[in-house]
Amino acid sequence: MNRKVLHWFRQDLRLSDNPALSEASRHRDIFPIYIFDNHNSGPHGIGVASRWWLHQSLTELDRQLGGNLSIFKGEAGKILIALAERNDITRIFWNRCYEPWRVSRDKKIKELLEEKGVVVQTKMHLFFGSLGRY
């Protein structure tokens, strides 16, 4: 596996309306991944019903990606660094999350990756509704 760009799916398990995936798709080889990180979530870990939904959603996403979704379990930072080193990844894309524990974790991960020379691009998802932009 020798891919240059990694897209980290998180809460955005879809191909359409996905800003980070759209940006990553400008590159030739994309390595799509999902990381089940129950380590950093602490008391915010997901329950049985959410795990069922997640399994179904990941199965469908993998189908849509032609069986190319790689799924990992563990501490996201360690996994991303290992993948970047092992696969000569030059860029990593992901959409931002806004839960405080995720924001804190993501900042640390971004710093560690950038220290290794990996460009990290995070995208903000804009929501539009009947109340306008918020």
C-alpha atoms as a PDB file:
ATOM      1  CA  MET A   1       0.000   0.000   0.000  1.00  0.00           C
ATOM      2  CA  ASN A   2       1.720   3.195  -1.144  1.00  0.00           C
ATOM      3  CA  ARG A   3      -0.785   6.018  -1.014  1.00  0.00           C
ATOM      4  CA  LYS A   4       0.020   9.664  -0.527  1.00  0.00           C
ATOM      5  CA  VAL A   5      -3.250  11.115   0.828  1.00  0.00           C
ATOM      6  CA  LEU A   6      -5.358   9.855   3.706  1.00  0.00           C
ATOM      7  CA  HIS A   7      -8.981  10.775   4.402  1.00  0.00           C
ATOM      8  CA  TRP A   8     -10.149  10.128   7.967  1.00  0.00           C
ATOM      9  CA  PHE A   9     -13.888   9.532   8.136  1.00  0.00           C
ATOM     10  CA  ARG A  10     -15.295  10.436  11.528  1.00  0.00           C
ATOM     11  CA  GLN A  11     -18.923  11.449  12.147  1.00  0.00           C
ATOM     12  CA  ASP A  12     -19.359  12.103   8.441  1.00  0.00           C
ATOM     13  CA  LEU A  13     -19.844   8.615   7.049  1.00  0.00           C
ATOM     14  CA  ARG A  14     -20.954   9.711   3.597  1.00  0.00           C
ATOM     15  CA  LEU A  15     -19.491  10.472   0.200  1.00  0.00           C
ATOM     16  CA  SER A  16     -21.669  13.442  -0.703  1.00  0.00           C
ATOM     17  CA  ASP A  17     -21.652  16.746   1.187  1.00  0.00           C
ATOM     18  CA  ASN A  18     -18.280  15.906   2.724  1.00  0.00           C
ATOM     19  CA  PRO A  19     -15.904  18.914   2.490  1.00  0.00           C
ATOM     20  CA  ALA A  20     -12.713  17.099   3.548  1.00  0.00           C
ATOM     21  CA  LEU A  21     -13.353  14.176   1.200  1.00  0.00           C
ATOM     22  CA  SER A  22     -14.080  16.592  -1.625  1.00  0.00           C
ATOM     23  CA  GLU A  23     -10.729  18.301  -1.016  1.00  0.00           C
ATOM     24  CA  ALA A  24      -8.883  14.975  -0.693  1.00  0.00           C
ATOM     25  CA  SER A  25     -10.399  13.766  -3.964  1.00  0.00           C
ATOM     26  CA  ARG A  26      -8.293  16.318  -5.817  1.00  0.00           C
ATOM     27  CA  HIS A  27      -5.406  13.925  -5.259  1.00  0.00           C
ATOM     28  CA  ARG A  28      -4.901  10.716  -7.190  1.00  0.00           C
ATOM     29  CA  ASP A  29      -4.550   8.106  -4.456  1.00  0.00           C
ATOM     30  CA  ILE A  30      -6.779   8.391  -1.417  1.00  0.00           C
ATOM     31  CA  PHE A  31      -6.505   6.001   1.517  1.00  0.00           C
ATOM     32  CA  PRO A  32      -9.942   6.174   3.246  1.00  0.00           C
ATOM     33  CA  ILE A  33      -9.998   5.152   6.911  1.00  0.00           C
ATOM     34  CA  TYR A  34     -12.223   5.107   9.967  1.00  0.00           C
ATOM     35  CA  ILE A  35     -10.844   4.891  13.514  1.00  0.00           C
ATOM     36  CA  PHE A  36     -12.979   3.635  16.370  1.00  0.00           C
ATOM     37  CA  ASP A  37     -11.337   5.595  19.214  1.00  0.00           C
ATOM     38  CA  ASN A  38     -13.095   4.714  22.442  1.00  0.00           C
ATOM     39  CA  HIS A  39      -9.831   5.406  24.293  1.00  0.00           C
ATOM     40  CA  ASN A  40     -10.036   9.208  24.156  1.00  0.00           C
ATOM     41  CA  SER A  41     -13.815   9.495  24.461  1.00  0.00           C
ATOM     42  CA  GLY A  42     -13.771   8.646  28.169  1.00  0.00           C
ATOM     43  CA  PRO A  43     -17.319   8.883  29.543  1.00  0.00           C
ATOM     44  CA  HIS A  44     -18.581   9.904  26.077  1.00  0.00           C
ATOM     45  CA  GLY A  45     -18.138   6.427  24.564  1.00  0.00           C
ATOM     46  CA  ILE A  46     -20.975   5.083  22.448  1.00  0.00           C
ATOM     47  CA  GLY A  47     -23.536   2.549  23.585  1.00  0.00           C
ATOM     48  CA  VAL A  48     -24.889  -0.635  22.038  1.00  0.00           C
ATOM     49  CA  ALA A  49     -27.485   0.993  19.777  1.00  0.00           C
ATOM     50  CA  SER A  50     -24.950   3.508  18.478  1.00  0.00           C
ATOM     51  CA  ARG A  51     -22.451   0.718  17.835  1.00  0.00           C
ATOM     52  CA  TRP A  52     -25.070  -1.113  15.761  1.00  0.00           C
ATOM     53  CA  TRP A  53     -25.762   2.056  13.751  1.00  0.00           C
ATOM     54  CA  LEU A  54     -22.021   2.631  13.302  1.00  0.00           C
ATOM     55  CA  HIS A  55     -21.489  -0.931  12.058  1.00  0.00           C
ATOM     56  CA  GLN A  56     -24.300  -0.585   9.510  1.00  0.00           C
ATOM     57  CA  SER A  57     -23.050   2.821   8.355  1.00  0.00           C
ATOM     58  CA  LEU A  58     -19.442   1.644   7.976  1.00  0.00           C
ATOM     59  CA  THR A  59     -20.569  -1.423   6.058  1.00  0.00           C
ATOM     60  CA  GLU A  60     -22.510   0.750   3.616  1.00  0.00           C
ATOM     61  CA  LEU A  61     -19.693   3.285   3.301  1.00  0.00           C
ATOM     62  CA  ASP A  62     -17.216   0.477   2.576  1.00  0.00           C
ATOM     63  CA  ARG A  63     -19.583  -0.852  -0.093  1.00  0.00           C
ATOM     64  CA  GLN A  64     -19.786   2.589  -1.694  1.00  0.00           C
ATOM     65  CA  LEU A  65     -15.981   2.816  -1.644  1.00  0.00           C
ATOM     66  CA  GLY A  66     -15.645  -0.501  -3.447  1.00  0.00           C
ATOM     67  CA  GLY A  67     -14.355  -2.321  -0.373  1.00  0.00           C
ATOM     68  CA  ASN A  68     -11.491   0.144   0.134  1.00  0.00           C
ATOM     69  CA  LEU A  69     -12.371   1.498   3.590  1.00  0.00           C
ATOM     70  CA  SER A  70      -9.827   0.494   6.226  1.00  0.00           C
ATOM     71  CA  ILE A  71     -11.135   0.379   9.791  1.00  0.00           C
ATOM     72  CA  PHE A  72      -8.935   0.651  12.867  1.00  0.00           C
ATOM     73  CA  LYS A  73      -9.577   0.510  16.593  1.00  0.00           C
ATOM     74  CA  GLY A  74      -7.492   2.344  19.162  1.00  0.00           C
ATOM     75  CA  GLU A  75      -5.942   5.701  19.902  1.00  0.00           C
ATOM     76  CA  ALA A  76      -6.415   7.855  16.800  1.00  0.00           C
ATOM     77  CA  GLY A  77      -3.168   9.806  17.119  1.00  0.00           C
ATOM     78  CA  LYS A  78      -0.978   6.714  17.312  1.00  0.00           C
ATOM     79  CA  ILE A  79      -2.816   5.065  14.431  1.00  0.00           C
ATOM     80  CA  LEU A  80      -2.589   8.120  12.172  1.00  0.00           C
ATOM     81  CA  ILE A  81       1.127   8.599  12.827  1.00  0.00           C
ATOM     82  CA  ALA A  82       1.847   4.925  12.169  1.00  0.00           C
ATOM     83  CA  LEU A  83      -0.188   4.959   8.954  1.00  0.00           C
ATOM     84  CA  ALA A  84       1.504   8.140   7.738  1.00  0.00           C
ATOM     85  CA  GLU A  85       4.967   6.705   8.358  1.00  0.00           C
ATOM     86  CA  ARG A  86       4.237   3.250   6.943  1.00  0.00           C
ATOM     87  CA  ASN A  87       2.467   4.483   3.809  1.00  0.00           C
ATOM     88  CA  ASP A  88       4.442   7.623   2.957  1.00  0.00           C
ATOM     89  CA  ILE A  89       1.363   9.810   3.541  1.00  0.00           C
ATOM     90  CA  THR A  90       1.999  13.471   2.730  1.00  0.00           C
ATOM     91  CA  ARG A  91      -1.466  14.866   3.570  1.00  0.00           C
ATOM     92  CA  ILE A  92      -4.321  13.929   5.871  1.00  0.00           C
ATOM     93  CA  PHE A  93      -7.823  15.352   5.540  1.00  0.00           C
ATOM     94  CA  TRP A  94     -10.697  15.292   8.016  1.00  0.00           C
ATOM     95  CA  ASN A  95     -13.820  17.265   8.853  1.00  0.00           C
ATOM     96  CA  ARG A  96     -13.837  19.091  12.162  1.00  0.00           C
ATOM     97  CA  CYS A  97     -15.779  17.867  15.153  1.00  0.00           C
ATOM     98  CA  TYR A  98     -16.890  20.246  17.853  1.00  0.00           C
ATOM     99  CA  GLU A  99     -17.172  18.205  21.040  1.00  0.00           C
ATOM    100  CA  PRO A 100     -14.581  19.594  23.507  1.00  0.00           C
ATOM    101  CA  TRP A 101     -12.770  16.272  23.963  1.00  0.00           C
ATOM    102  CA  ARG A 102     -12.473  15.833  20.171  1.00  0.00           C
ATOM    103  CA  VAL A 103     -11.231  19.407  19.633  1.00  0.00           C
ATOM    104  CA  SER A 104      -8.509  18.901  22.238  1.00  0.00           C
ATOM    105  CA  ARG A 105      -7.508  15.513  20.818  1.00  0.00           C
ATOM    106  CA  ASP A 106      -7.517  16.763  17.220  1.00  0.00           C
ATOM    107  CA  LYS A 107      -5.235  19.720  18.031  1.00  0.00           C
ATOM    108  CA  LYS A 108      -2.677  17.356  19.574  1.00  0.00           C
ATOM    109  CA  ILE A 109      -2.898  14.955  16.643  1.00  0.00           C
ATOM    110  CA  LYS A 110      -2.474  17.774  14.141  1.00  0.00           C
ATOM    111  CA  GLU A 111       0.622  19.083  15.957  1.00  0.00           C
ATOM    112  CA  LEU A 112       2.212  15.618  16.093  1.00  0.00           C
ATOM    113  CA  LEU A 113       1.557  14.957  12.418  1.00  0.00           C
ATOM    114  CA  GLU A 114       2.889  18.345  11.350  1.00  0.00           C
ATOM    115  CA  GLU A 115       6.063  17.686  13.363  1.00  0.00           C
ATOM    116  CA  LYS A 116       6.486  14.584  11.175  1.00  0.00           C
ATOM    117  CA  GLY A 117       6.091  16.680   8.019  1.00  0.00           C
ATOM    118  CA  VAL A 118       2.514  15.637   7.236  1.00  0.00           C
ATOM    119  CA  VAL A 119       0.194  18.391   6.023  1.00  0.00           C
ATOM    120  CA  VAL A 120      -3.119  18.255   7.890  1.00  0.00           C
ATOM    121  CA  GLN A 121      -6.162  19.883   6.351  1.00  0.00           C
ATOM    122  CA  THR A 122      -9.330  20.088   8.393  1.00  0.00           C
ATOM    123  CA  LYS A 123     -12.568  21.316   6.913  1.00  0.00           C
ATOM    124  CA  MET A 124     -15.486  22.985   8.595  1.00  0.00           C
ATOM    125  CA  HIS A 125     -18.908  21.735   7.620  1.00  0.00           C
ATOM    126  CA  LEU A 126     -21.336  24.600   7.049  1.00  0.00           C
ATOM    127  CA  PHE A 127     -24.964  23.974   7.878  1.00  0.00           C
ATOM    128  CA  PHE A 128     -27.823  25.773   6.185  1.00  0.00           C
ATOM    129  CA  GLY A 129     -31.360  25.580   7.436  1.00  0.00           C
ATOM    130  CA  SER A 130     -34.611  27.470   7.619  1.00  0.00           C
ATOM    131  CA  LEU A 131     -33.049  29.827  10.162  1.00  0.00           C
ATOM    132  CA  GLY A 132     -30.214  30.689   7.823  1.00  0.00           C
ATOM    133  CA  ARG A 133     -26.539  29.998   8.267  1.00  0.00           C
ATOM    134  CA  TYR A 134     -25.414  29.016  11.756  1.00  0.00           C
END
